PDB file of N, CA and C in Angstrom:
ATOM      1  N   UNK A   1     -14.979   0.527  26.546  1.00  0.00           N
ATOM      2  CA  UNK A   1     -16.318   0.796  27.026  1.00  0.00           C
ATOM      3  C   UNK A   1     -17.228  -0.353  26.590  1.00  0.00           C
ATOM      4  N   UNK A   2     -18.124  -0.710  27.442  1.00  0.00           N
ATOM      5  CA  UNK A   2     -19.056  -1.791  27.141  1.00  0.00           C
ATOM      6  C   UNK A   2     -20.065  -1.342  26.090  1.00  0.00           C
ATOM      7  N   UNK A   3     -20.499  -2.315  25.293  1.00  0.00           N
ATOM      8  CA  UNK A   3     -21.438  -2.022  24.215  1.00  0.00           C
ATOM      9  C   UNK A   3     -22.750  -1.446  24.734  1.00  0.00           C
ATOM     10  N   UNK A   4     -23.220  -1.959  25.849  1.00  0.00           N
ATOM     11  CA  UNK A   4     -24.494  -1.470  26.384  1.00  0.00           C
ATOM     12  C   UNK A   4     -24.402   0.012  26.756  1.00  0.00           C
ATOM     13  N   UNK A   5     -23.248   0.434  27.265  1.00  0.00           N
ATOM     14  CA  UNK A   5     -23.077   1.850  27.600  1.00  0.00           C
ATOM     15  C   UNK A   5     -23.021   2.708  26.338  1.00  0.00           C
ATOM     16  N   UNK A   6     -22.420   2.171  25.290  1.00  0.00           N
ATOM     17  CA  UNK A   6     -22.389   2.901  24.021  1.00  0.00           C
ATOM     18  C   UNK A   6     -23.809   3.062  23.488  1.00  0.00           C
ATOM     19  N   UNK A   7     -24.588   1.988  23.528  1.00  0.00           N
ATOM     20  CA  UNK A   7     -25.980   2.048  23.064  1.00  0.00           C
ATOM     21  C   UNK A   7     -26.775   3.045  23.890  1.00  0.00           C
ATOM     22  N   UNK A   8     -26.582   3.044  25.204  1.00  0.00           N
ATOM     23  CA  UNK A   8     -27.266   4.006  26.071  1.00  0.00           C
ATOM     24  C   UNK A   8     -26.868   5.430  25.721  1.00  0.00           C
ATOM     25  N   UNK A   9     -25.610   5.630  25.335  1.00  0.00           N
ATOM     26  CA  UNK A   9     -25.157   6.963  24.917  1.00  0.00           C
ATOM     27  C   UNK A   9     -25.883   7.418  23.662  1.00  0.00           C
ATOM     28  N   UNK A  10     -26.061   6.490  22.721  1.00  0.00           N
ATOM     29  CA  UNK A  10     -26.822   6.828  21.518  1.00  0.00           C
ATOM     30  C   UNK A  10     -28.257   7.182  21.873  1.00  0.00           C
ATOM     31  N   UNK A  11     -28.867   6.375  22.715  1.00  0.00           N
ATOM     32  CA  UNK A  11     -30.269   6.614  23.084  1.00  0.00           C
ATOM     33  C   UNK A  11     -30.433   7.936  23.820  1.00  0.00           C
ATOM     34  N   UNK A  12     -29.403   8.345  24.574  1.00  0.00           N
ATOM     35  CA  UNK A  12     -29.435   9.617  25.292  1.00  0.00           C
ATOM     36  C   UNK A  12     -28.999  10.784  24.399  1.00  0.00           C
ATOM     37  N   UNK A  13     -28.670  10.479  23.122  1.00  0.00           N
ATOM     38  CA  UNK A  13     -28.216  11.484  22.150  1.00  0.00           C
ATOM     39  C   UNK A  13     -26.937  12.176  22.611  1.00  0.00           C
ATOM     40  N   UNK A  14     -26.066  11.401  23.241  1.00  0.00           N
ATOM     41  CA  UNK A  14     -24.753  11.890  23.657  1.00  0.00           C
ATOM     42  C   UNK A  14     -23.842  11.892  22.433  1.00  0.00           C
ATOM     43  N   UNK A  15     -23.307  13.052  22.084  1.00  0.00           N
ATOM     44  CA  UNK A  15     -22.503  13.184  20.868  1.00  0.00           C
ATOM     45  C   UNK A  15     -21.200  12.402  20.917  1.00  0.00           C
ATOM     46  N   UNK A  16     -20.775  11.979  22.074  1.00  0.00           N
ATOM     47  CA  UNK A  16     -19.541  11.200  22.174  1.00  0.00           C
ATOM     48  C   UNK A  16     -19.758   9.723  21.827  1.00  0.00           C
ATOM     49  N   UNK A  17     -20.992   9.338  21.581  1.00  0.00           N
ATOM     50  CA  UNK A  17     -21.289   7.931  21.284  1.00  0.00           C
ATOM     51  C   UNK A  17     -20.642   7.474  19.984  1.00  0.00           C
ATOM     52  N   UNK A  18     -20.683   8.301  18.957  1.00  0.00           N
ATOM     53  CA  UNK A  18     -20.114   7.910  17.665  1.00  0.00           C
ATOM     54  C   UNK A  18     -18.600   7.754  17.753  1.00  0.00           C
ATOM     55  N   UNK A  19     -17.869   8.733  18.307  1.00  0.00           N
ATOM     56  CA  UNK A  19     -16.418   8.540  18.411  1.00  0.00           C
ATOM     57  C   UNK A  19     -16.033   7.326  19.267  1.00  0.00           C
ATOM     58  N   UNK A  20     -16.783   7.078  20.327  1.00  0.00           N
ATOM     59  CA  UNK A  20     -16.483   5.906  21.166  1.00  0.00           C
ATOM     60  C   UNK A  20     -16.748   4.611  20.412  1.00  0.00           C
ATOM     61  N   UNK A  21     -17.782   4.609  19.606  1.00  0.00           N
ATOM     62  CA  UNK A  21     -18.086   3.425  18.804  1.00  0.00           C
ATOM     63  C   UNK A  21     -16.978   3.180  17.783  1.00  0.00           C
ATOM     64  N   UNK A  22     -16.566   4.228  17.096  1.00  0.00           N
ATOM     65  CA  UNK A  22     -15.521   4.076  16.091  1.00  0.00           C
ATOM     66  C   UNK A  22     -14.168   3.760  16.722  1.00  0.00           C
ATOM     67  N   UNK A  23     -13.940   4.252  17.907  1.00  0.00           N
ATOM     68  CA  UNK A  23     -12.700   3.925  18.610  1.00  0.00           C
ATOM     69  C   UNK A  23     -12.599   2.417  18.837  1.00  0.00           C
ATOM     70  N   UNK A  24     -13.715   1.818  19.137  1.00  0.00           N
ATOM     71  CA  UNK A  24     -13.748   0.387  19.424  1.00  0.00           C
ATOM     72  C   UNK A  24     -13.926  -0.465  18.173  1.00  0.00           C
ATOM     73  N   UNK A  25     -14.712   0.003  17.196  1.00  0.00           N
ATOM     74  CA  UNK A  25     -15.114  -0.845  16.075  1.00  0.00           C
ATOM     75  C   UNK A  25     -14.689  -0.341  14.700  1.00  0.00           C
ATOM     76  N   UNK A  26     -13.838   0.656  14.605  1.00  0.00           N
ATOM     77  CA  UNK A  26     -13.457   1.184  13.286  1.00  0.00           C
ATOM     78  C   UNK A  26     -12.784   0.117  12.428  1.00  0.00           C
ATOM     79  N   UNK A  27     -11.864  -0.653  12.996  1.00  0.00           N
ATOM     80  CA  UNK A  27     -11.183  -1.684  12.213  1.00  0.00           C
ATOM     81  C   UNK A  27     -12.157  -2.766  11.759  1.00  0.00           C
ATOM     82  N   UNK A  28     -13.084  -3.122  12.614  1.00  0.00           N
ATOM     83  CA  UNK A  28     -14.112  -4.106  12.279  1.00  0.00           C
ATOM     84  C   UNK A  28     -14.928  -3.630  11.081  1.00  0.00           C
ATOM     85  N   UNK A  29     -15.393  -2.393  11.131  1.00  0.00           N
ATOM     86  CA  UNK A  29     -16.187  -1.827  10.035  1.00  0.00           C
ATOM     87  C   UNK A  29     -15.340  -1.657   8.778  1.00  0.00           C
ATOM     88  N   UNK A  30     -14.099  -1.240   8.945  1.00  0.00           N
ATOM     89  CA  UNK A  30     -13.199  -1.049   7.809  1.00  0.00           C
ATOM     90  C   UNK A  30     -12.975  -2.379   7.080  1.00  0.00           C
ATOM     91  N   UNK A  31     -12.827  -3.468   7.814  1.00  0.00           N
ATOM     92  CA  UNK A  31     -12.633  -4.782   7.195  1.00  0.00           C
ATOM     93  C   UNK A  31     -13.849  -5.203   6.384  1.00  0.00           C
ATOM     94  N   UNK A  32     -15.026  -4.932   6.894  1.00  0.00           N
ATOM     95  CA  UNK A  32     -16.253  -5.270   6.155  1.00  0.00           C
ATOM     96  C   UNK A  32     -16.331  -4.455   4.868  1.00  0.00           C
ATOM     97  N   UNK A  33     -16.109  -3.157   4.982  1.00  0.00           N
ATOM     98  CA  UNK A  33     -16.193  -2.279   3.808  1.00  0.00           C
ATOM     99  C   UNK A  33     -15.097  -2.609   2.796  1.00  0.00           C
ATOM    100  N   UNK A  34     -13.920  -2.980   3.268  1.00  0.00           N
ATOM    101  CA  UNK A  34     -12.815  -3.318   2.374  1.00  0.00           C
ATOM    102  C   UNK A  34     -13.086  -4.589   1.589  1.00  0.00           C
ATOM    103  N   UNK A  35     -13.912  -5.461   2.127  1.00  0.00           N
ATOM    104  CA  UNK A  35     -14.280  -6.664   1.398  1.00  0.00           C
ATOM    105  C   UNK A  35     -15.227  -6.385   0.246  1.00  0.00           C
ATOM    106  N   UNK A  36     -15.863  -5.227   0.265  1.00  0.00           N
ATOM    107  CA  UNK A  36     -16.820  -4.857  -0.785  1.00  0.00           C
ATOM    108  C   UNK A  36     -16.213  -3.825  -1.731  1.00  0.00           C
ATOM    109  N   UNK A  37     -15.486  -2.886  -1.180  1.00  0.00           N
ATOM    110  CA  UNK A  37     -14.883  -1.807  -1.965  1.00  0.00           C
ATOM    111  C   UNK A  37     -13.360  -1.937  -1.937  1.00  0.00           C
ATOM    112  N   UNK A  38     -12.736  -1.825  -3.081  1.00  0.00           N
ATOM    113  CA  UNK A  38     -11.284  -1.963  -3.152  1.00  0.00           C
ATOM    114  C   UNK A  38     -10.559  -0.646  -2.897  1.00  0.00           C
ATOM    115  N   UNK A  39     -11.210   0.460  -3.110  1.00  0.00           N
ATOM    116  CA  UNK A  39     -10.587   1.771  -2.973  1.00  0.00           C
ATOM    117  C   UNK A  39     -10.572   2.204  -1.504  1.00  0.00           C
ATOM    118  N   UNK A  40      -9.388   2.421  -0.925  1.00  0.00           N
ATOM    119  CA  UNK A  40      -9.320   2.834   0.481  1.00  0.00           C
ATOM    120  C   UNK A  40     -10.051   4.141   0.770  1.00  0.00           C
ATOM    121  N   UNK A  41     -10.046   5.054  -0.183  1.00  0.00           N
ATOM    122  CA  UNK A  41     -10.757   6.324   0.012  1.00  0.00           C
ATOM    123  C   UNK A  41     -12.268   6.081   0.080  1.00  0.00           C
ATOM    124  N   UNK A  42     -12.769   5.187  -0.753  1.00  0.00           N
ATOM    125  CA  UNK A  42     -14.195   4.845  -0.722  1.00  0.00           C
ATOM    126  C   UNK A  42     -14.552   4.171   0.598  1.00  0.00           C
ATOM    127  N   UNK A  43     -13.651   3.364   1.114  1.00  0.00           N
ATOM    128  CA  UNK A  43     -13.880   2.705   2.409  1.00  0.00           C
ATOM    129  C   UNK A  43     -14.011   3.749   3.507  1.00  0.00           C
ATOM    130  N   UNK A  44     -13.142   4.741   3.505  1.00  0.00           N
ATOM    131  CA  UNK A  44     -13.205   5.793   4.527  1.00  0.00           C
ATOM    132  C   UNK A  44     -14.482   6.623   4.390  1.00  0.00           C
ATOM    133  N   UNK A  45     -14.907   6.864   3.164  1.00  0.00           N
ATOM    134  CA  UNK A  45     -16.171   7.573   2.960  1.00  0.00           C
ATOM    135  C   UNK A  45     -17.335   6.759   3.514  1.00  0.00           C
ATOM    136  N   UNK A  46     -17.268   5.457   3.331  1.00  0.00           N
ATOM    137  CA  UNK A  46     -18.319   4.590   3.861  1.00  0.00           C
ATOM    138  C   UNK A  46     -18.324   4.613   5.388  1.00  0.00           C
ATOM    139  N   UNK A  47     -17.153   4.635   5.997  1.00  0.00           N
ATOM    140  CA  UNK A  47     -17.108   4.706   7.460  1.00  0.00           C
ATOM    141  C   UNK A  47     -17.759   5.986   7.967  1.00  0.00           C
ATOM    142  N   UNK A  48     -17.538   7.074   7.257  1.00  0.00           N
ATOM    143  CA  UNK A  48     -18.197   8.332   7.631  1.00  0.00           C
ATOM    144  C   UNK A  48     -19.713   8.198   7.507  1.00  0.00           C
ATOM    145  N   UNK A  49     -20.153   7.567   6.430  1.00  0.00           N
ATOM    146  CA  UNK A  49     -21.593   7.362   6.233  1.00  0.00           C
ATOM    147  C   UNK A  49     -22.161   6.404   7.283  1.00  0.00           C
ATOM    148  N   UNK A  50     -21.377   5.437   7.709  1.00  0.00           N
ATOM    149  CA  UNK A  50     -21.806   4.525   8.779  1.00  0.00           C
ATOM    150  C   UNK A  50     -22.041   5.318  10.059  1.00  0.00           C
ATOM    151  N   UNK A  51     -21.136   6.227  10.363  1.00  0.00           N
ATOM    152  CA  UNK A  51     -21.290   7.059  11.572  1.00  0.00           C
ATOM    153  C   UNK A  51     -22.576   7.881  11.500  1.00  0.00           C
ATOM    154  N   UNK A  52     -22.819   8.473  10.340  1.00  0.00           N
ATOM    155  CA  UNK A  52     -24.034   9.275  10.174  1.00  0.00           C
ATOM    156  C   UNK A  52     -25.287   8.406  10.295  1.00  0.00           C
ATOM    157  N   UNK A  53     -25.219   7.211   9.725  1.00  0.00           N
ATOM    158  CA  UNK A  53     -26.361   6.298   9.796  1.00  0.00           C
ATOM    159  C   UNK A  53     -26.610   5.854  11.228  1.00  0.00           C
ATOM    160  N   UNK A  54     -25.546   5.551  11.946  1.00  0.00           N
ATOM    161  CA  UNK A  54     -25.695   5.156  13.352  1.00  0.00           C
ATOM    162  C   UNK A  54     -26.361   6.263  14.153  1.00  0.00           C
ATOM    163  N   UNK A  55     -25.880   7.466  13.962  1.00  0.00           N
ATOM    164  CA  UNK A  55     -26.427   8.593  14.724  1.00  0.00           C
ATOM    165  C   UNK A  55     -27.906   8.794  14.416  1.00  0.00           C
ATOM    166  N   UNK A  56     -28.275   8.589  13.169  1.00  0.00           N
ATOM    167  CA  UNK A  56     -29.668   8.810  12.770  1.00  0.00           C
ATOM    168  C   UNK A  56     -30.579   7.647  13.125  1.00  0.00           C
ATOM    169  N   UNK A  57     -30.084   6.411  13.045  1.00  0.00           N
ATOM    170  CA  UNK A  57     -30.984   5.266  13.161  1.00  0.00           C
ATOM    171  C   UNK A  57     -30.971   4.557  14.511  1.00  0.00           C
ATOM    172  N   UNK A  58     -29.856   4.531  15.193  1.00  0.00           N
ATOM    173  CA  UNK A  58     -29.784   3.742  16.418  1.00  0.00           C
ATOM    174  C   UNK A  58     -30.753   4.207  17.501  1.00  0.00           C
ATOM    175  N   UNK A  59     -30.903   5.501  17.739  1.00  0.00           N
ATOM    176  CA  UNK A  59     -31.860   5.906  18.776  1.00  0.00           C
ATOM    177  C   UNK A  59     -33.297   5.480  18.479  1.00  0.00           C
ATOM    178  N   UNK A  60     -33.645   5.399  17.213  1.00  0.00           N
ATOM    179  CA  UNK A  60     -35.011   5.001  16.861  1.00  0.00           C
ATOM    180  C   UNK A  60     -35.215   3.493  16.986  1.00  0.00           C
ATOM    181  N   UNK A  61     -34.223   2.731  16.572  1.00  0.00           N
ATOM    182  CA  UNK A  61     -34.377   1.291  16.506  1.00  0.00           C
ATOM    183  C   UNK A  61     -33.790   0.559  17.710  1.00  0.00           C
ATOM    184  N   UNK A  62     -32.780   1.138  18.336  1.00  0.00           N
ATOM    185  CA  UNK A  62     -32.083   0.429  19.392  1.00  0.00           C
ATOM    186  C   UNK A  62     -31.278  -0.712  18.783  1.00  0.00           C
ATOM    187  N   UNK A  63     -30.518  -1.401  19.606  1.00  0.00           N
ATOM    188  CA  UNK A  63     -29.739  -2.536  19.126  1.00  0.00           C
ATOM    189  C   UNK A  63     -29.406  -3.422  20.312  1.00  0.00           C
ATOM    190  N   UNK A  64     -29.652  -4.700  20.149  1.00  0.00           N
ATOM    191  CA  UNK A  64     -29.332  -5.633  21.225  1.00  0.00           C
ATOM    192  C   UNK A  64     -27.871  -6.044  21.160  1.00  0.00           C
ATOM    193  N   UNK A  65     -27.347  -6.168  19.948  1.00  0.00           N
ATOM    194  CA  UNK A  65     -25.976  -6.603  19.742  1.00  0.00           C
ATOM    195  C   UNK A  65     -25.286  -5.595  18.833  1.00  0.00           C
ATOM    196  N   UNK A  66     -24.481  -4.723  19.406  1.00  0.00           N
ATOM    197  CA  UNK A  66     -23.878  -3.623  18.658  1.00  0.00           C
ATOM    198  C   UNK A  66     -23.007  -4.093  17.496  1.00  0.00           C
ATOM    199  N   UNK A  67     -22.133  -5.083  17.659  1.00  0.00           N
ATOM    200  CA  UNK A  67     -21.329  -5.510  16.507  1.00  0.00           C
ATOM    201  C   UNK A  67     -22.173  -6.027  15.338  1.00  0.00           C
ATOM    202  N   UNK A  68     -23.238  -6.738  15.624  1.00  0.00           N
ATOM    203  CA  UNK A  68     -24.104  -7.242  14.560  1.00  0.00           C
ATOM    204  C   UNK A  68     -24.782  -6.071  13.847  1.00  0.00           C
ATOM    205  N   UNK A  69     -25.262  -5.110  14.602  1.00  0.00           N
ATOM    206  CA  UNK A  69     -25.905  -3.935  14.016  1.00  0.00           C
ATOM    207  C   UNK A  69     -24.899  -3.150  13.171  1.00  0.00           C
ATOM    208  N   UNK A  70     -23.691  -2.968  13.697  1.00  0.00           N
ATOM    209  CA  UNK A  70     -22.651  -2.261  12.950  1.00  0.00           C
ATOM    210  C   UNK A  70     -22.308  -2.988  11.656  1.00  0.00           C
ATOM    211  N   UNK A  71     -22.221  -4.298  11.718  1.00  0.00           N
ATOM    212  CA  UNK A  71     -21.909  -5.081  10.520  1.00  0.00           C
ATOM    213  C   UNK A  71     -22.990  -4.894   9.465  1.00  0.00           C
ATOM    214  N   UNK A  72     -24.234  -4.927   9.892  1.00  0.00           N
ATOM    215  CA  UNK A  72     -25.347  -4.765   8.955  1.00  0.00           C
ATOM    216  C   UNK A  72     -25.334  -3.371   8.320  1.00  0.00           C
ATOM    217  N   UNK A  73     -25.148  -2.354   9.134  1.00  0.00           N
ATOM    218  CA  UNK A  73     -25.122  -0.980   8.624  1.00  0.00           C
ATOM    219  C   UNK A  73     -23.932  -0.793   7.688  1.00  0.00           C
ATOM    220  N   UNK A  74     -22.768  -1.289   8.087  1.00  0.00           N
ATOM    221  CA  UNK A  74     -21.564  -1.129   7.267  1.00  0.00           C
ATOM    222  C   UNK A  74     -21.720  -1.830   5.932  1.00  0.00           C
ATOM    223  N   UNK A  75     -22.254  -3.031   5.953  1.00  0.00           N
ATOM    224  CA  UNK A  75     -22.451  -3.775   4.711  1.00  0.00           C
ATOM    225  C   UNK A  75     -23.451  -3.050   3.809  1.00  0.00           C
ATOM    226  N   UNK A  76     -24.540  -2.576   4.363  1.00  0.00           N
ATOM    227  CA  UNK A  76     -25.556  -1.877   3.573  1.00  0.00           C
ATOM    228  C   UNK A  76     -24.996  -0.604   2.958  1.00  0.00           C
ATOM    229  N   UNK A  77     -24.303   0.181   3.758  1.00  0.00           N
ATOM    230  CA  UNK A  77     -23.720   1.431   3.254  1.00  0.00           C
ATOM    231  C   UNK A  77     -22.685   1.136   2.172  1.00  0.00           C
ATOM    232  N   UNK A  78     -21.859   0.130   2.391  1.00  0.00           N
ATOM    233  CA  UNK A  78     -20.826  -0.223   1.414  1.00  0.00           C
ATOM    234  C   UNK A  78     -21.436  -0.722   0.112  1.00  0.00           C
ATOM    235  N   UNK A  79     -22.460  -1.548   0.216  1.00  0.00           N
ATOM    236  CA  UNK A  79     -23.119  -2.053  -0.991  1.00  0.00           C
ATOM    237  C   UNK A  79     -23.807  -0.924  -1.752  1.00  0.00           C
ATOM    238  N   UNK A  80     -24.414   0.002  -1.050  1.00  0.00           N
ATOM    239  CA  UNK A  80     -25.042   1.151  -1.720  1.00  0.00           C
ATOM    240  C   UNK A  80     -23.987   1.982  -2.447  1.00  0.00           C
ATOM    241  N   UNK A  81     -22.834   2.146  -1.819  1.00  0.00           N
ATOM    242  CA  UNK A  81     -21.745   2.884  -2.451  1.00  0.00           C
ATOM    243  C   UNK A  81     -21.243   2.119  -3.682  1.00  0.00           C
ATOM    244  N   UNK A  82     -21.112   0.814  -3.543  1.00  0.00           N
ATOM    245  CA  UNK A  82     -20.650  -0.033  -4.647  1.00  0.00           C
ATOM    246  C   UNK A  82     -21.599   0.047  -5.842  1.00  0.00           C
ATOM    247  N   UNK A  83     -22.901   0.070  -5.570  1.00  0.00           N
ATOM    248  CA  UNK A  83     -23.892   0.139  -6.648  1.00  0.00           C
ATOM    249  C   UNK A  83     -23.797   1.445  -7.436  1.00  0.00           C
ATOM    250  N   UNK A  84     -23.254   2.485  -6.828  1.00  0.00           N
ATOM    251  CA  UNK A  84     -23.133   3.775  -7.500  1.00  0.00           C
ATOM    252  C   UNK A  84     -21.853   3.884  -8.330  1.00  0.00           C
ATOM    253  N   UNK A  85     -20.971   2.898  -8.214  1.00  0.00           N
ATOM    254  CA  UNK A  85     -19.739   2.913  -8.993  1.00  0.00           C
ATOM    255  C   UNK A  85     -20.042   2.639 -10.465  1.00  0.00           C
ATOM    256  N   UNK A  86     -19.181   3.131 -11.368  1.00  0.00           N
ATOM    257  CA  UNK A  86     -19.351   2.798 -12.782  1.00  0.00           C
ATOM    258  C   UNK A  86     -19.274   1.280 -12.991  1.00  0.00           C
ATOM    259  N   UNK A  87     -19.962   0.787 -14.005  1.00  0.00           N
ATOM    260  CA  UNK A  87     -20.091  -0.653 -14.214  1.00  0.00           C
ATOM    261  C   UNK A  87     -18.749  -1.348 -14.400  1.00  0.00           C
ATOM    262  N   UNK A  88     -17.807  -0.712 -15.096  1.00  0.00           N
ATOM    263  CA  UNK A  88     -16.515  -1.369 -15.315  1.00  0.00           C
ATOM    264  C   UNK A  88     -15.750  -1.559 -14.008  1.00  0.00           C
ATOM    265  N   UNK A  89     -15.887  -0.642 -13.085  1.00  0.00           N
ATOM    266  CA  UNK A  89     -15.224  -0.784 -11.780  1.00  0.00           C
ATOM    267  C   UNK A  89     -15.928  -1.845 -10.950  1.00  0.00           C
ATOM    268  N   UNK A  90     -17.248  -1.885 -11.022  1.00  0.00           N
ATOM    269  CA  UNK A  90     -17.995  -2.908 -10.279  1.00  0.00           C
ATOM    270  C   UNK A  90     -17.598  -4.303 -10.728  1.00  0.00           C
ATOM    271  N   UNK A  91     -17.427  -4.504 -12.025  1.00  0.00           N
ATOM    272  CA  UNK A  91     -17.045  -5.819 -12.531  1.00  0.00           C
ATOM    273  C   UNK A  91     -15.685  -6.241 -11.987  1.00  0.00           C
ATOM    274  N   UNK A  92     -14.754  -5.299 -11.901  1.00  0.00           N
ATOM    275  CA  UNK A  92     -13.430  -5.611 -11.347  1.00  0.00           C
ATOM    276  C   UNK A  92     -13.537  -6.057  -9.896  1.00  0.00           C
ATOM    277  N   UNK A  93     -14.391  -5.415  -9.130  1.00  0.00           N
ATOM    278  CA  UNK A  93     -14.487  -5.738  -7.709  1.00  0.00           C
ATOM    279  C   UNK A  93     -15.232  -7.026  -7.459  1.00  0.00           C
ATOM    280  N   UNK A  94     -16.051  -7.493  -8.404  1.00  0.00           N
ATOM    281  CA  UNK A  94     -16.804  -8.727  -8.218  1.00  0.00           C
ATOM    282  C   UNK A  94     -15.926  -9.958  -8.366  1.00  0.00           C
ATOM    283  N   UNK A  95     -14.953  -9.914  -9.228  1.00  0.00           N
ATOM    284  CA  UNK A  95     -14.164 -11.098  -9.533  1.00  0.00           C
ATOM    285  C   UNK A  95     -13.348 -11.549  -8.337  1.00  0.00           C
ATOM    286  N   UNK A  96     -12.649 -10.655  -7.703  1.00  0.00           N
ATOM    287  CA  UNK A  96     -11.768 -11.046  -6.605  1.00  0.00           C
ATOM    288  C   UNK A  96     -12.515 -11.712  -5.449  1.00  0.00           C
ATOM    289  N   UNK A  97     -13.555 -11.113  -4.882  1.00  0.00           N
ATOM    290  CA  UNK A  97     -14.237 -11.782  -3.754  1.00  0.00           C
ATOM    291  C   UNK A  97     -14.827 -13.130  -4.129  1.00  0.00           C
ATOM    292  N   UNK A  98     -15.366 -13.244  -5.332  1.00  0.00           N
ATOM    293  CA  UNK A  98     -15.966 -14.518  -5.727  1.00  0.00           C
ATOM    294  C   UNK A  98     -14.911 -15.611  -5.820  1.00  0.00           C
ATOM    295  N   UNK A  99     -13.791 -15.324  -6.440  1.00  0.00           N
ATOM    296  CA  UNK A  99     -12.741 -16.339  -6.560  1.00  0.00           C
ATOM    297  C   UNK A  99     -12.078 -16.599  -5.220  1.00  0.00           C
ATOM    298  N   UNK A 100     -11.964 -15.589  -4.405  1.00  0.00           N
ATOM    299  CA  UNK A 100     -11.360 -15.758  -3.079  1.00  0.00           C
ATOM    300  C   UNK A 100     -12.217 -16.678  -2.207  1.00  0.00           C
ATOM    301  N   UNK A 101     -13.527 -16.511  -2.260  1.00  0.00           N
ATOM    302  CA  UNK A 101     -14.419 -17.345  -1.458  1.00  0.00           C
ATOM    303  C   UNK A 101     -14.359 -18.803  -1.894  1.00  0.00           C
ATOM    304  N   UNK A 102     -14.195 -19.023  -3.183  1.00  0.00           N
ATOM    305  CA  UNK A 102     -14.202 -20.391  -3.703  1.00  0.00           C
ATOM    306  C   UNK A 102     -12.819 -21.042  -3.707  1.00  0.00           C
ATOM    307  N   UNK A 103     -11.780 -20.307  -3.434  1.00  0.00           N
ATOM    308  CA  UNK A 103     -10.430 -20.843  -3.555  1.00  0.00           C
ATOM    309  C   UNK A 103     -10.189 -22.049  -2.658  1.00  0.00           C
ATOM    310  N   UNK A 104     -10.819 -22.091  -1.506  1.00  0.00           N
ATOM    311  CA  UNK A 104     -10.605 -23.237  -0.616  1.00  0.00           C
ATOM    312  C   UNK A 104     -11.379 -24.478  -1.072  1.00  0.00           C
ATOM    313  N   UNK A 105     -12.284 -24.322  -2.020  1.00  0.00           N
ATOM    314  CA  UNK A 105     -13.078 -25.443  -2.529  1.00  0.00           C
ATOM    315  C   UNK A 105     -12.431 -26.126  -3.731  1.00  0.00           C
ATOM    316  N   UNK A 106     -11.501 -25.468  -4.361  1.00  0.00           N
ATOM    317  CA  UNK A 106     -10.890 -25.999  -5.582  1.00  0.00           C
ATOM    318  C   UNK A 106      -9.737 -26.913  -5.192  1.00  0.00           C
ATOM    319  N   UNK A 107      -9.775 -28.136  -5.706  1.00  0.00           N
ATOM    320  CA  UNK A 107      -8.715 -29.096  -5.432  1.00  0.00           C
ATOM    321  C   UNK A 107      -7.487 -28.763  -6.264  1.00  0.00           C
ATOM    322  N   UNK A 108      -6.313 -28.972  -5.693  1.00  0.00           N
ATOM    323  CA  UNK A 108      -5.104 -28.712  -6.475  1.00  0.00           C
ATOM    324  C   UNK A 108      -4.980 -29.726  -7.617  1.00  0.00           C
ATOM    325  N   UNK A 109      -4.413 -29.308  -8.713  1.00  0.00           N
ATOM    326  CA  UNK A 109      -4.223 -30.184  -9.865  1.00  0.00           C
ATOM    327  C   UNK A 109      -2.989 -31.061  -9.616  1.00  0.00           C
ATOM    328  N   UNK A 110      -3.201 -32.359  -9.787  1.00  0.00           N
ATOM    329  CA  UNK A 110      -2.086 -33.309  -9.642  1.00  0.00           C
ATOM    330  C   UNK A 110      -1.664 -33.771 -11.017  1.00  0.00           C
ATOM    331  N   UNK A 111      -0.421 -34.215 -11.118  1.00  0.00           N
ATOM    332  CA  UNK A 111       0.094 -34.655 -12.419  1.00  0.00           C
ATOM    333  C   UNK A 111      -0.659 -35.892 -12.935  1.00  0.00           C
ATOM    334  N   UNK A 112      -1.082 -36.773 -12.030  1.00  0.00           N
ATOM    335  CA  UNK A 112      -1.739 -38.006 -12.451  1.00  0.00           C
ATOM    336  C   UNK A 112      -3.265 -37.871 -12.581  1.00  0.00           C
ATOM    337  N   UNK A 113      -3.803 -36.684 -12.371  1.00  0.00           N
ATOM    338  CA  UNK A 113      -5.257 -36.517 -12.457  1.00  0.00           C
ATOM    339  C   UNK A 113      -5.690 -36.361 -13.915  1.00  0.00           C
ATOM    340  N   UNK A 114      -6.887 -36.868 -14.226  1.00  0.00           N
ATOM    341  CA  UNK A 114      -7.369 -36.723 -15.618  1.00  0.00           C
ATOM    342  C   UNK A 114      -7.650 -35.257 -15.935  1.00  0.00           C
ATOM    343  N   UNK A 115      -7.579 -34.891 -17.212  1.00  0.00           N
ATOM    344  CA  UNK A 115      -7.808 -33.480 -17.580  1.00  0.00           C
ATOM    345  C   UNK A 115      -9.238 -33.046 -17.341  1.00  0.00           C
TER     346      UNK A 115
END
């Protein structure tokens, strides 16, 4: 289904809009949430919260680009969930993404390179 038709379904308060959106974009949203939260159960809870947020907010605000709007909502919901985690778990989840993002910037160590 085209994104514009999905948006029109939300604006018309058609209850099938959320399932159609998740049918098309669940993996996209899951990937975003998985980059923030390591626990698969927490990711699924966030997807449920994304659906609720979409249903509540999209008719009021509209959206020109559905994937961009979904990405923003998913990231916000995931970050809010992450902030509620205990501090020791949050610290564990911060290390991996930071090192992963920088891994392509680090030069490999050569035997002839200075220490």
